[in-house]
Amino acid sequence: MLDQRTLSRRSFMRRVLGAGVGLLSLEFAGGTLAFLWPNITEGLGARLRVGRLPELVAAQPTFADGYPMSVSSARSFLINVPAATALASGSPRRVPAPGADQLIALWRKCPHLGCMVPDLCDSVKRFQCRCHGSTYNILGEKLERGPAERGMDRFAVEIEDGDLVIIDTSEILFGAPEGILTFTDPHAPDTGCA
């Protein structure tokens, strides 16, 4: 007769199999949740620290003169609005420390079909998508050329601790419809990059 405190081989195997299936189920559920959980610490969807204004100007001195700064982590151009509008107007002005309300972050994705918009063309100080020719002024507003129906989309820009620039990519701010401009440069509206 068997002692009540001993396990038979069959009972032992059932318990080991049950524990294994339970452990496998936990690993599957944990892996699925980890895969589905959003990663908001980096890349699009996060608040990205770009750097302090003096560091940005030191890294790219032309930013203070109005040339867009490409921020690869946010897939955007950081625009110093007062310096950029002066540059595009033909009367350059240096603005090394703009406020948060004087900075915009233009998403490099063209609103037409999603092509990546290249750097500012130096001849007319405009952006022009290489895929279908949609043209935008230095503030990302849609001009007459190309099939895009609106200006370049944007991300919110904040300044913390006096000079730390943060681009918030968690929300996309859609560009203004074609024909709505807040800035007009000296070139004809249908002029593109050469």
N, C-alpha and C. Protein backbone atom coordinates (compact mmCIF):
# COMPACT_ATOMS: atom_id res chain seq x y z
N MET A 1 0.82 -1.18 0.00
CA MET A 1 0.00 0.00 0.00
C MET A 1 0.88 1.26 0.00
N LEU A 2 0.44 2.30 -0.78
CA LEU A 2 1.21 3.53 -0.91
C LEU A 2 1.02 4.43 0.29
N ASP A 3 2.11 5.08 0.62
CA ASP A 3 2.07 6.08 1.68
C ASP A 3 1.42 7.34 1.11
N GLN A 4 0.55 8.04 1.87
CA GLN A 4 -0.18 9.21 1.40
C GLN A 4 0.75 10.39 1.08
N ARG A 5 1.95 10.41 1.65
CA ARG A 5 2.87 11.53 1.45
C ARG A 5 3.72 11.37 0.21
N THR A 6 3.72 10.29 -0.44
CA THR A 6 4.53 10.09 -1.65
C THR A 6 3.68 10.33 -2.88
N LEU A 7 4.33 10.84 -3.93
CA LEU A 7 3.66 11.10 -5.20
C LEU A 7 3.95 9.97 -6.17
N SER A 8 2.96 9.64 -6.93
CA SER A 8 3.21 8.66 -7.99
C SER A 8 3.87 9.39 -9.16
N ARG A 9 4.48 8.65 -10.03
CA ARG A 9 5.11 9.26 -11.20
C ARG A 9 4.09 10.01 -12.04
N ARG A 10 2.94 9.45 -12.18
CA ARG A 10 1.90 10.06 -12.99
C ARG A 10 1.46 11.41 -12.41
N SER A 11 1.29 11.50 -11.10
CA SER A 11 0.91 12.77 -10.45
C SER A 11 2.02 13.79 -10.58
N PHE A 12 3.26 13.34 -10.41
CA PHE A 12 4.41 14.24 -10.54
C PHE A 12 4.48 14.82 -11.95
N MET A 13 4.30 13.99 -12.98
CA MET A 13 4.37 14.45 -14.36
C MET A 13 3.22 15.42 -14.68
N ARG A 14 2.05 15.17 -14.16
CA ARG A 14 0.92 16.09 -14.36
C ARG A 14 1.24 17.46 -13.77
N ARG A 15 1.79 17.49 -12.58
CA ARG A 15 2.13 18.76 -11.93
C ARG A 15 3.23 19.50 -12.69
N VAL A 16 4.24 18.80 -13.15
CA VAL A 16 5.32 19.43 -13.91
C VAL A 16 4.78 19.97 -15.23
N LEU A 17 3.94 19.20 -15.91
CA LEU A 17 3.34 19.64 -17.16
C LEU A 17 2.45 20.87 -16.93
N GLY A 18 1.66 20.87 -15.88
CA GLY A 18 0.80 22.01 -15.56
C GLY A 18 1.62 23.26 -15.26
N ALA A 19 2.71 23.10 -14.49
CA ALA A 19 3.57 24.24 -14.19
C ALA A 19 4.23 24.76 -15.46
N GLY A 20 4.67 23.88 -16.35
CA GLY A 20 5.29 24.30 -17.60
C GLY A 20 4.33 25.06 -18.50
N VAL A 21 3.09 24.54 -18.62
CA VAL A 21 2.08 25.22 -19.43
C VAL A 21 1.75 26.58 -18.82
N GLY A 22 1.66 26.66 -17.51
CA GLY A 22 1.39 27.93 -16.83
C GLY A 22 2.51 28.95 -17.07
N LEU A 23 3.76 28.49 -16.95
CA LEU A 23 4.91 29.37 -17.17
C LEU A 23 4.96 29.85 -18.62
N LEU A 24 4.72 28.95 -19.56
CA LEU A 24 4.70 29.32 -20.97
C LEU A 24 3.59 30.34 -21.26
N SER A 25 2.43 30.15 -20.64
CA SER A 25 1.32 31.10 -20.83
C SER A 25 1.68 32.48 -20.30
N LEU A 26 2.33 32.53 -19.14
CA LEU A 26 2.76 33.82 -18.57
C LEU A 26 3.78 34.50 -19.47
N GLU A 27 4.74 33.74 -19.99
CA GLU A 27 5.73 34.33 -20.89
C GLU A 27 5.08 34.86 -22.17
N PHE A 28 4.13 34.14 -22.71
CA PHE A 28 3.44 34.58 -23.92
C PHE A 28 2.65 35.85 -23.65
N ALA A 29 1.93 35.90 -22.54
CA ALA A 29 1.14 37.09 -22.20
C ALA A 29 2.06 38.29 -21.94
N GLY A 30 3.15 38.07 -21.22
CA GLY A 30 4.09 39.16 -20.95
C GLY A 30 4.75 39.67 -22.21
N GLY A 31 5.16 38.78 -23.09
CA GLY A 31 5.77 39.18 -24.35
C GLY A 31 4.80 39.95 -25.23
N THR A 32 3.54 39.52 -25.26
CA THR A 32 2.53 40.20 -26.05
C THR A 32 2.29 41.61 -25.52
N LEU A 33 2.17 41.75 -24.20
CA LEU A 33 1.98 43.08 -23.61
C LEU A 33 3.18 43.98 -23.86
N ALA A 34 4.39 43.44 -23.72
CA ALA A 34 5.59 44.23 -23.97
C ALA A 34 5.66 44.69 -25.42
N PHE A 35 5.22 43.85 -26.34
CA PHE A 35 5.23 44.21 -27.75
C PHE A 35 4.19 45.29 -28.05
N LEU A 36 3.02 45.19 -27.44
CA LEU A 36 1.93 46.12 -27.72
C LEU A 36 2.04 47.42 -26.94
N TRP A 37 2.81 47.44 -25.87
CA TRP A 37 2.92 48.64 -25.04
C TRP A 37 3.72 49.70 -25.81
N PRO A 38 3.23 50.95 -25.88
CA PRO A 38 3.95 51.96 -26.66
C PRO A 38 5.26 52.38 -26.00
N ASN A 39 6.28 52.55 -26.83
CA ASN A 39 7.58 53.01 -26.35
C ASN A 39 7.61 54.52 -26.50
N ILE A 40 7.35 55.24 -25.42
CA ILE A 40 7.25 56.69 -25.52
C ILE A 40 8.49 57.41 -25.01
N THR A 41 9.59 56.73 -24.89
CA THR A 41 10.80 57.38 -24.41
C THR A 41 11.69 57.86 -25.54
N GLU A 42 11.48 57.34 -26.74
CA GLU A 42 12.29 57.77 -27.87
C GLU A 42 11.50 57.61 -29.15
N GLY A 43 11.92 58.33 -30.18
CA GLY A 43 11.24 58.24 -31.47
C GLY A 43 9.93 59.00 -31.48
N LEU A 44 9.19 58.86 -32.57
CA LEU A 44 7.92 59.56 -32.68
C LEU A 44 6.97 59.09 -31.60
N GLY A 45 6.24 60.03 -31.03
CA GLY A 45 5.31 59.72 -29.95
C GLY A 45 5.84 60.12 -28.59
N ALA A 46 7.05 60.63 -28.52
CA ALA A 46 7.67 61.00 -27.24
C ALA A 46 7.95 62.50 -27.21
N ARG A 47 8.25 62.98 -26.02
CA ARG A 47 8.75 64.35 -25.86
C ARG A 47 10.27 64.25 -25.94
N LEU A 48 10.83 64.78 -27.02
CA LEU A 48 12.25 64.62 -27.28
C LEU A 48 13.03 65.86 -26.89
N ARG A 49 14.05 65.65 -26.07
CA ARG A 49 14.93 66.75 -25.69
C ARG A 49 15.93 66.97 -26.82
N VAL A 50 15.85 68.12 -27.45
CA VAL A 50 16.73 68.42 -28.58
C VAL A 50 18.06 68.95 -28.08
N GLY A 51 18.04 69.77 -27.06
CA GLY A 51 19.26 70.35 -26.51
C GLY A 51 19.00 71.77 -26.05
N ARG A 52 20.01 72.37 -25.46
CA ARG A 52 19.91 73.75 -25.00
C ARG A 52 20.23 74.68 -26.17
N LEU A 53 19.57 75.85 -26.21
CA LEU A 53 19.75 76.78 -27.33
C LEU A 53 21.21 77.13 -27.60
N PRO A 54 22.03 77.45 -26.58
CA PRO A 54 23.43 77.75 -26.89
C PRO A 54 24.16 76.56 -27.52
N GLU A 55 23.82 75.33 -27.09
CA GLU A 55 24.43 74.13 -27.68
C GLU A 55 23.98 73.94 -29.13
N LEU A 56 22.71 74.22 -29.41
CA LEU A 56 22.20 74.08 -30.77
C LEU A 56 22.87 75.08 -31.71
N VAL A 57 23.02 76.32 -31.24
CA VAL A 57 23.67 77.34 -32.05
C VAL A 57 25.16 77.01 -32.24
N ALA A 58 25.79 76.44 -31.20
CA ALA A 58 27.20 76.05 -31.32
C ALA A 58 27.36 74.89 -32.32
N ALA A 59 26.41 73.94 -32.30
CA ALA A 59 26.47 72.79 -33.21
C ALA A 59 26.17 73.19 -34.65
N GLN A 60 25.23 74.12 -34.84
CA GLN A 60 24.88 74.60 -36.17
C GLN A 60 24.70 76.12 -36.10
N PRO A 61 25.77 76.88 -36.28
CA PRO A 61 25.70 78.34 -36.17
C PRO A 61 24.67 78.98 -37.11
N THR A 62 24.39 78.35 -38.25
CA THR A 62 23.45 78.92 -39.21
C THR A 62 22.00 78.89 -38.69
N PHE A 63 21.73 78.12 -37.63
CA PHE A 63 20.38 78.08 -37.05
C PHE A 63 19.98 79.47 -36.55
N ALA A 64 20.91 80.20 -35.95
CA ALA A 64 20.63 81.56 -35.47
C ALA A 64 20.40 82.52 -36.63
N ASP A 65 20.86 82.15 -37.82
CA ASP A 65 20.67 82.99 -39.01
C ASP A 65 19.42 82.61 -39.80
N GLY A 66 18.67 81.63 -39.35
CA GLY A 66 17.41 81.27 -39.98
C GLY A 66 17.38 79.97 -40.75
N TYR A 67 18.52 79.31 -40.89
CA TYR A 67 18.52 78.03 -41.61
C TYR A 67 17.93 76.94 -40.72
N PRO A 68 17.05 76.08 -41.26
CA PRO A 68 16.43 75.03 -40.46
C PRO A 68 17.47 74.04 -39.92
N MET A 69 17.21 73.55 -38.72
CA MET A 69 18.07 72.52 -38.13
C MET A 69 17.35 71.19 -38.26
N SER A 70 17.99 70.23 -38.87
CA SER A 70 17.41 68.91 -39.01
C SER A 70 17.57 68.15 -37.70
N VAL A 71 16.44 67.68 -37.14
CA VAL A 71 16.44 66.92 -35.90
C VAL A 71 16.01 65.50 -36.26
N SER A 72 16.98 64.61 -36.43
CA SER A 72 16.68 63.27 -36.93
C SER A 72 15.82 62.45 -35.97
N SER A 73 16.02 62.61 -34.65
CA SER A 73 15.22 61.83 -33.70
C SER A 73 13.74 62.16 -33.78
N ALA A 74 13.40 63.39 -34.15
CA ALA A 74 12.00 63.81 -34.29
C ALA A 74 11.55 63.81 -35.75
N ARG A 75 12.46 63.44 -36.66
CA ARG A 75 12.17 63.46 -38.10
C ARG A 75 11.58 64.80 -38.51
N SER A 76 12.23 65.86 -38.09
CA SER A 76 11.67 67.18 -38.34
C SER A 76 12.76 68.22 -38.56
N PHE A 77 12.31 69.40 -39.00
CA PHE A 77 13.16 70.58 -39.10
C PHE A 77 12.75 71.51 -37.97
N LEU A 78 13.72 71.98 -37.20
CA LEU A 78 13.46 72.99 -36.18
C LEU A 78 13.70 74.35 -36.83
N ILE A 79 12.68 75.21 -36.80
CA ILE A 79 12.74 76.50 -37.48
C ILE A 79 12.74 77.62 -36.46
N ASN A 80 13.70 78.52 -36.59
CA ASN A 80 13.82 79.74 -35.81
C ASN A 80 13.04 80.79 -36.60
N VAL A 81 11.76 81.00 -36.28
CA VAL A 81 10.85 81.77 -37.12
C VAL A 81 11.32 83.19 -37.44
N PRO A 82 11.69 84.03 -36.46
CA PRO A 82 12.09 85.40 -36.84
C PRO A 82 13.32 85.43 -37.75
N ALA A 83 14.29 84.60 -37.46
CA ALA A 83 15.50 84.58 -38.31
C ALA A 83 15.19 83.96 -39.67
N ALA A 84 14.33 82.93 -39.71
CA ALA A 84 14.00 82.27 -40.97
C ALA A 84 13.22 83.19 -41.90
N THR A 85 12.25 83.91 -41.37
CA THR A 85 11.48 84.82 -42.23
C THR A 85 12.35 85.96 -42.74
N ALA A 86 13.27 86.43 -41.91
CA ALA A 86 14.20 87.47 -42.36
C ALA A 86 15.12 86.92 -43.45
N LEU A 87 15.61 85.71 -43.27
CA LEU A 87 16.48 85.08 -44.27
C LEU A 87 15.76 84.92 -45.60
N ALA A 88 14.52 84.40 -45.57
CA ALA A 88 13.76 84.17 -46.80
C ALA A 88 13.34 85.49 -47.46
N SER A 89 13.22 86.55 -46.68
CA SER A 89 12.87 87.86 -47.23
C SER A 89 14.05 88.56 -47.88
N GLY A 90 15.25 88.06 -47.62
CA GLY A 90 16.44 88.65 -48.21
C GLY A 90 17.14 89.65 -47.31
N SER A 91 16.69 89.78 -46.07
CA SER A 91 17.35 90.69 -45.12
C SER A 91 17.71 89.90 -43.87
N PRO A 92 18.79 89.10 -43.93
CA PRO A 92 19.15 88.22 -42.82
C PRO A 92 19.28 88.95 -41.49
N ARG A 93 18.86 88.26 -40.45
CA ARG A 93 18.92 88.78 -39.09
C ARG A 93 19.28 87.64 -38.17
N ARG A 94 20.20 87.85 -37.26
CA ARG A 94 20.65 86.80 -36.34
C ARG A 94 19.79 86.83 -35.08
N VAL A 95 19.19 85.67 -34.75
CA VAL A 95 18.38 85.52 -33.54
C VAL A 95 18.87 84.27 -32.82
N PRO A 96 19.85 84.41 -31.90
CA PRO A 96 20.44 83.22 -31.26
C PRO A 96 19.59 82.60 -30.15
N ALA A 97 18.63 83.35 -29.60
CA ALA A 97 17.85 82.80 -28.48
C ALA A 97 16.36 83.09 -28.66
N PRO A 98 15.71 82.41 -29.61
CA PRO A 98 14.27 82.63 -29.80
C PRO A 98 13.47 82.00 -28.65
N GLY A 99 12.27 82.53 -28.43
CA GLY A 99 11.38 81.95 -27.43
C GLY A 99 10.64 80.75 -27.99
N ALA A 100 9.91 80.06 -27.13
CA ALA A 100 9.17 78.87 -27.56
C ALA A 100 8.13 79.21 -28.62
N ASP A 101 7.53 80.41 -28.51
CA ASP A 101 6.53 80.82 -29.50
C ASP A 101 7.18 81.24 -30.82
N GLN A 102 8.50 81.29 -30.87
CA GLN A 102 9.22 81.66 -32.09
C GLN A 102 9.91 80.44 -32.72
N LEU A 103 9.58 79.25 -32.25
CA LEU A 103 10.15 78.02 -32.81
C LEU A 103 9.02 77.13 -33.32
N ILE A 104 9.23 76.51 -34.47
CA ILE A 104 8.29 75.50 -34.96
C ILE A 104 9.10 74.28 -35.40
N ALA A 105 8.47 73.13 -35.28
CA ALA A 105 9.09 71.87 -35.73
C ALA A 105 8.24 71.32 -36.86
N LEU A 106 8.79 71.34 -38.06
CA LEU A 106 8.08 70.83 -39.25
C LEU A 106 8.41 69.36 -39.44
N TRP A 107 7.39 68.52 -39.52
CA TRP A 107 7.59 67.09 -39.78
C TRP A 107 8.06 66.95 -41.21
N ARG A 108 9.12 66.19 -41.43
CA ARG A 108 9.72 66.04 -42.76
C ARG A 108 8.88 65.18 -43.70
N LYS A 109 7.82 64.59 -43.23
CA LYS A 109 6.96 63.75 -44.06
C LYS A 109 6.03 64.64 -44.88
N CYS A 110 6.11 64.54 -46.19
CA CYS A 110 5.26 65.34 -47.08
C CYS A 110 3.80 64.91 -46.87
N PRO A 111 2.88 65.88 -46.70
CA PRO A 111 1.48 65.50 -46.47
C PRO A 111 0.78 64.91 -47.69
N HIS A 112 1.42 64.94 -48.86
CA HIS A 112 0.79 64.37 -50.06
C HIS A 112 0.80 62.85 -50.01
N LEU A 113 1.98 62.23 -50.09
CA LEU A 113 2.07 60.76 -50.05
C LEU A 113 3.12 60.25 -49.07
N GLY A 114 3.66 61.11 -48.24
CA GLY A 114 4.56 60.66 -47.18
C GLY A 114 6.03 60.60 -47.53
N CYS A 115 6.44 61.16 -48.67
CA CYS A 115 7.87 61.19 -49.00
C CYS A 115 8.60 62.09 -48.00
N MET A 116 9.89 61.85 -47.84
CA MET A 116 10.68 62.68 -46.94
C MET A 116 11.10 63.97 -47.64
N VAL A 117 10.75 65.10 -47.05
CA VAL A 117 11.06 66.40 -47.63
C VAL A 117 12.55 66.68 -47.38
N PRO A 118 13.30 67.03 -48.43
CA PRO A 118 14.74 67.30 -48.27
C PRO A 118 15.00 68.66 -47.62
N ASP A 119 16.26 68.93 -47.37
CA ASP A 119 16.66 70.20 -46.77
C ASP A 119 16.21 71.38 -47.61
N LEU A 120 16.22 72.54 -47.00
CA LEU A 120 15.87 73.80 -47.64
C LEU A 120 16.75 74.02 -48.87
N CYS A 121 16.14 74.39 -49.99
CA CYS A 121 16.97 74.70 -51.16
C CYS A 121 17.46 76.14 -51.00
N ASP A 122 18.71 76.32 -51.26
CA ASP A 122 19.36 77.60 -50.98
C ASP A 122 18.97 78.70 -51.96
N SER A 123 18.56 78.34 -53.18
CA SER A 123 18.28 79.36 -54.20
C SER A 123 17.08 80.24 -53.84
N VAL A 124 15.97 79.64 -53.36
CA VAL A 124 14.76 80.41 -53.04
C VAL A 124 14.34 80.28 -51.59
N LYS A 125 15.11 79.57 -50.80
CA LYS A 125 14.82 79.37 -49.36
C LYS A 125 13.42 78.76 -49.16
N ARG A 126 13.19 77.66 -49.89
CA ARG A 126 11.93 76.92 -49.79
C ARG A 126 12.21 75.43 -49.69
N PHE A 127 11.19 74.70 -49.23
CA PHE A 127 11.26 73.24 -49.21
C PHE A 127 10.50 72.74 -50.43
N GLN A 128 11.04 71.71 -51.08
CA GLN A 128 10.33 71.11 -52.22
C GLN A 128 10.49 69.60 -52.16
N CYS A 129 9.36 68.91 -52.13
CA CYS A 129 9.36 67.45 -52.09
C CYS A 129 9.86 66.91 -53.43
N ARG A 130 10.77 65.99 -53.38
CA ARG A 130 11.35 65.44 -54.62
C ARG A 130 10.40 64.47 -55.33
N CYS A 131 9.45 63.91 -54.60
CA CYS A 131 8.57 62.91 -55.22
C CYS A 131 7.63 63.53 -56.25
N HIS A 132 6.88 64.57 -55.87
CA HIS A 132 5.88 65.13 -56.78
C HIS A 132 5.96 66.65 -56.87
N GLY A 133 6.98 67.25 -56.28
CA GLY A 133 7.22 68.68 -56.46
C GLY A 133 6.43 69.64 -55.60
N SER A 134 5.73 69.16 -54.58
CA SER A 134 5.01 70.09 -53.70
C SER A 134 6.02 71.03 -53.05
N THR A 135 5.70 72.32 -53.07
CA THR A 135 6.63 73.34 -52.60
C THR A 135 6.03 74.06 -51.40
N TYR A 136 6.90 74.34 -50.42
CA TYR A 136 6.49 74.99 -49.16
C TYR A 136 7.44 76.14 -48.87
N ASN A 137 6.93 77.22 -48.26
CA ASN A 137 7.82 78.30 -47.88
C ASN A 137 8.65 77.88 -46.66
N ILE A 138 9.46 78.77 -46.16
CA ILE A 138 10.40 78.43 -45.09
C ILE A 138 9.68 78.06 -43.79
N LEU A 139 8.40 78.43 -43.66
CA LEU A 139 7.60 78.07 -42.48
C LEU A 139 6.75 76.82 -42.72
N GLY A 140 6.94 76.17 -43.87
CA GLY A 140 6.23 74.93 -44.17
C GLY A 140 4.84 75.14 -44.72
N GLU A 141 4.49 76.36 -45.12
CA GLU A 141 3.17 76.63 -45.66
C GLU A 141 3.14 76.29 -47.15
N LYS A 142 2.08 75.64 -47.60
CA LYS A 142 1.96 75.15 -48.97
C LYS A 142 1.83 76.30 -49.96
N LEU A 143 2.65 76.24 -51.00
CA LEU A 143 2.59 77.21 -52.09
C LEU A 143 1.86 76.58 -53.27
N GLU A 144 1.82 77.24 -54.41
CA GLU A 144 1.01 76.79 -55.54
C GLU A 144 1.52 75.53 -56.23
N ARG A 145 2.77 75.26 -56.16
CA ARG A 145 3.36 74.16 -56.92
C ARG A 145 3.19 72.82 -56.22
N GLY A 146 2.75 71.80 -56.95
CA GLY A 146 2.66 70.44 -56.43
C GLY A 146 1.28 70.05 -55.95
N PRO A 147 1.04 68.74 -55.78
CA PRO A 147 -0.29 68.21 -55.48
C PRO A 147 -0.70 68.20 -54.00
N ALA A 148 0.19 68.51 -53.07
CA ALA A 148 -0.19 68.46 -51.65
C ALA A 148 -1.34 69.44 -51.39
N GLU A 149 -2.26 69.03 -50.52
CA GLU A 149 -3.44 69.85 -50.25
C GLU A 149 -3.26 70.78 -49.06
N ARG A 150 -2.17 70.60 -48.31
CA ARG A 150 -1.96 71.44 -47.13
C ARG A 150 -0.47 71.63 -46.90
N GLY A 151 -0.16 72.49 -45.97
CA GLY A 151 1.23 72.73 -45.60
C GLY A 151 1.80 71.55 -44.82
N MET A 152 3.10 71.64 -44.54
CA MET A 152 3.78 70.57 -43.79
C MET A 152 3.21 70.49 -42.38
N ASP A 153 3.05 69.27 -41.89
CA ASP A 153 2.55 69.06 -40.53
C ASP A 153 3.64 69.46 -39.53
N ARG A 154 3.21 69.72 -38.28
CA ARG A 154 4.12 70.24 -37.27
C ARG A 154 4.00 69.46 -35.96
N PHE A 155 4.99 69.67 -35.12
CA PHE A 155 4.96 69.19 -33.74
C PHE A 155 5.09 70.40 -32.83
N ALA A 156 4.54 70.28 -31.63
CA ALA A 156 4.66 71.37 -30.66
C ALA A 156 6.10 71.47 -30.16
N VAL A 157 6.53 72.70 -29.89
CA VAL A 157 7.87 72.95 -29.37
C VAL A 157 7.72 73.67 -28.03
N GLU A 158 8.47 73.21 -27.05
CA GLU A 158 8.46 73.81 -25.72
C GLU A 158 9.89 74.15 -25.32
N ILE A 159 10.01 75.10 -24.39
CA ILE A 159 11.32 75.42 -23.82
C ILE A 159 11.19 75.27 -22.31
N GLU A 160 12.04 74.43 -21.73
CA GLU A 160 12.06 74.22 -20.28
C GLU A 160 13.37 74.74 -19.71
N ASP A 161 13.35 75.12 -18.46
CA ASP A 161 14.55 75.59 -17.75
C ASP A 161 15.23 76.74 -18.48
N GLY A 162 14.48 77.57 -19.16
CA GLY A 162 15.02 78.75 -19.81
C GLY A 162 15.57 78.56 -21.21
N ASP A 163 16.19 77.39 -21.49
CA ASP A 163 16.79 77.24 -22.82
C ASP A 163 16.83 75.80 -23.34
N LEU A 164 16.16 74.86 -22.67
CA LEU A 164 16.13 73.46 -23.12
C LEU A 164 14.97 73.27 -24.09
N VAL A 165 15.29 72.99 -25.35
CA VAL A 165 14.27 72.84 -26.40
C VAL A 165 13.76 71.41 -26.41
N ILE A 166 12.43 71.28 -26.38
CA ILE A 166 11.77 69.97 -26.40
C ILE A 166 10.76 69.95 -27.54
N ILE A 167 10.82 68.91 -28.37
CA ILE A 167 9.83 68.71 -29.43
C ILE A 167 8.90 67.59 -28.98
N ASP A 168 7.62 67.91 -28.90
CA ASP A 168 6.61 66.94 -28.47
C ASP A 168 5.99 66.28 -29.70
N THR A 169 6.43 65.05 -30.00
CA THR A 169 5.95 64.35 -31.19
C THR A 169 4.73 63.48 -30.90
N SER A 170 4.15 63.63 -29.73
CA SER A 170 2.99 62.79 -29.38
C SER A 170 1.72 63.23 -30.11
N GLU A 171 1.71 64.45 -30.62
CA GLU A 171 0.53 64.93 -31.34
C GLU A 171 0.98 65.64 -32.61
N ILE A 172 0.36 65.30 -33.72
CA ILE A 172 0.66 65.93 -35.01
C ILE A 172 -0.30 67.09 -35.21
N LEU A 173 0.25 68.27 -35.49
CA LEU A 173 -0.56 69.45 -35.79
C LEU A 173 -0.58 69.59 -37.31
N PHE A 174 -1.74 69.39 -37.91
CA PHE A 174 -1.84 69.39 -39.37
C PHE A 174 -1.58 70.78 -39.94
N GLY A 175 -0.90 70.82 -41.08
CA GLY A 175 -0.59 72.08 -41.74
C GLY A 175 -1.83 72.76 -42.27
N ALA A 176 -1.71 74.07 -42.48
CA ALA A 176 -2.84 74.86 -42.99
C ALA A 176 -3.15 74.45 -44.42
N PRO A 177 -4.41 74.55 -44.83
CA PRO A 177 -4.78 74.24 -46.21
C PRO A 177 -4.04 75.13 -47.21
N GLU A 178 -3.89 74.63 -48.42
CA GLU A 178 -3.22 75.39 -49.48
C GLU A 178 -3.91 76.74 -49.64
N GLY A 179 -3.11 77.79 -49.80
CA GLY A 179 -3.65 79.14 -49.99
C GLY A 179 -3.69 79.97 -48.73
N ILE A 180 -3.53 79.37 -47.58
CA ILE A 180 -3.52 80.12 -46.32
C ILE A 180 -2.06 80.32 -45.92
N LEU A 181 -1.60 81.56 -46.02
CA LEU A 181 -0.20 81.87 -45.74
C LEU A 181 -0.11 82.94 -44.66
N THR A 182 0.84 82.76 -43.75
CA THR A 182 1.13 83.80 -42.76
C THR A 182 2.40 84.55 -43.14
N PHE A 183 3.15 83.98 -44.10
CA PHE A 183 4.41 84.59 -44.53
C PHE A 183 4.52 84.48 -46.05
N THR A 184 4.87 85.59 -46.69
CA THR A 184 5.07 85.60 -48.13
C THR A 184 6.50 86.06 -48.40
N ASP A 185 7.26 85.22 -49.10
CA ASP A 185 8.64 85.59 -49.45
C ASP A 185 8.61 86.35 -50.78
N PRO A 186 9.75 86.91 -51.21
CA PRO A 186 9.76 87.75 -52.42
C PRO A 186 9.64 86.99 -53.75
N HIS A 187 9.61 85.67 -53.74
CA HIS A 187 9.54 84.90 -54.98
C HIS A 187 8.09 84.63 -55.37
N ALA A 188 7.88 84.38 -56.65
CA ALA A 188 6.51 84.06 -57.14
C ALA A 188 6.03 82.78 -56.48
N PRO A 189 4.72 82.67 -56.19
CA PRO A 189 4.18 81.51 -55.48
C PRO A 189 4.38 80.18 -56.20
N ASP A 190 4.56 80.20 -57.52
CA ASP A 190 4.73 78.96 -58.26
C ASP A 190 6.20 78.63 -58.53
N THR A 191 7.12 79.37 -57.90
CA THR A 191 8.54 79.13 -58.07
C THR A 191 9.00 78.00 -57.16
N GLY A 192 9.69 77.05 -57.75
CA GLY A 192 10.23 75.93 -56.97
C GLY A 192 11.74 76.01 -56.91
N CYS A 193 12.33 75.00 -56.36
CA CYS A 193 13.78 74.93 -56.26
C CYS A 193 14.37 74.64 -57.63
N ALA A 194 15.50 75.24 -57.90
CA ALA A 194 16.14 75.03 -59.21
C ALA A 194 16.89 73.72 -59.26
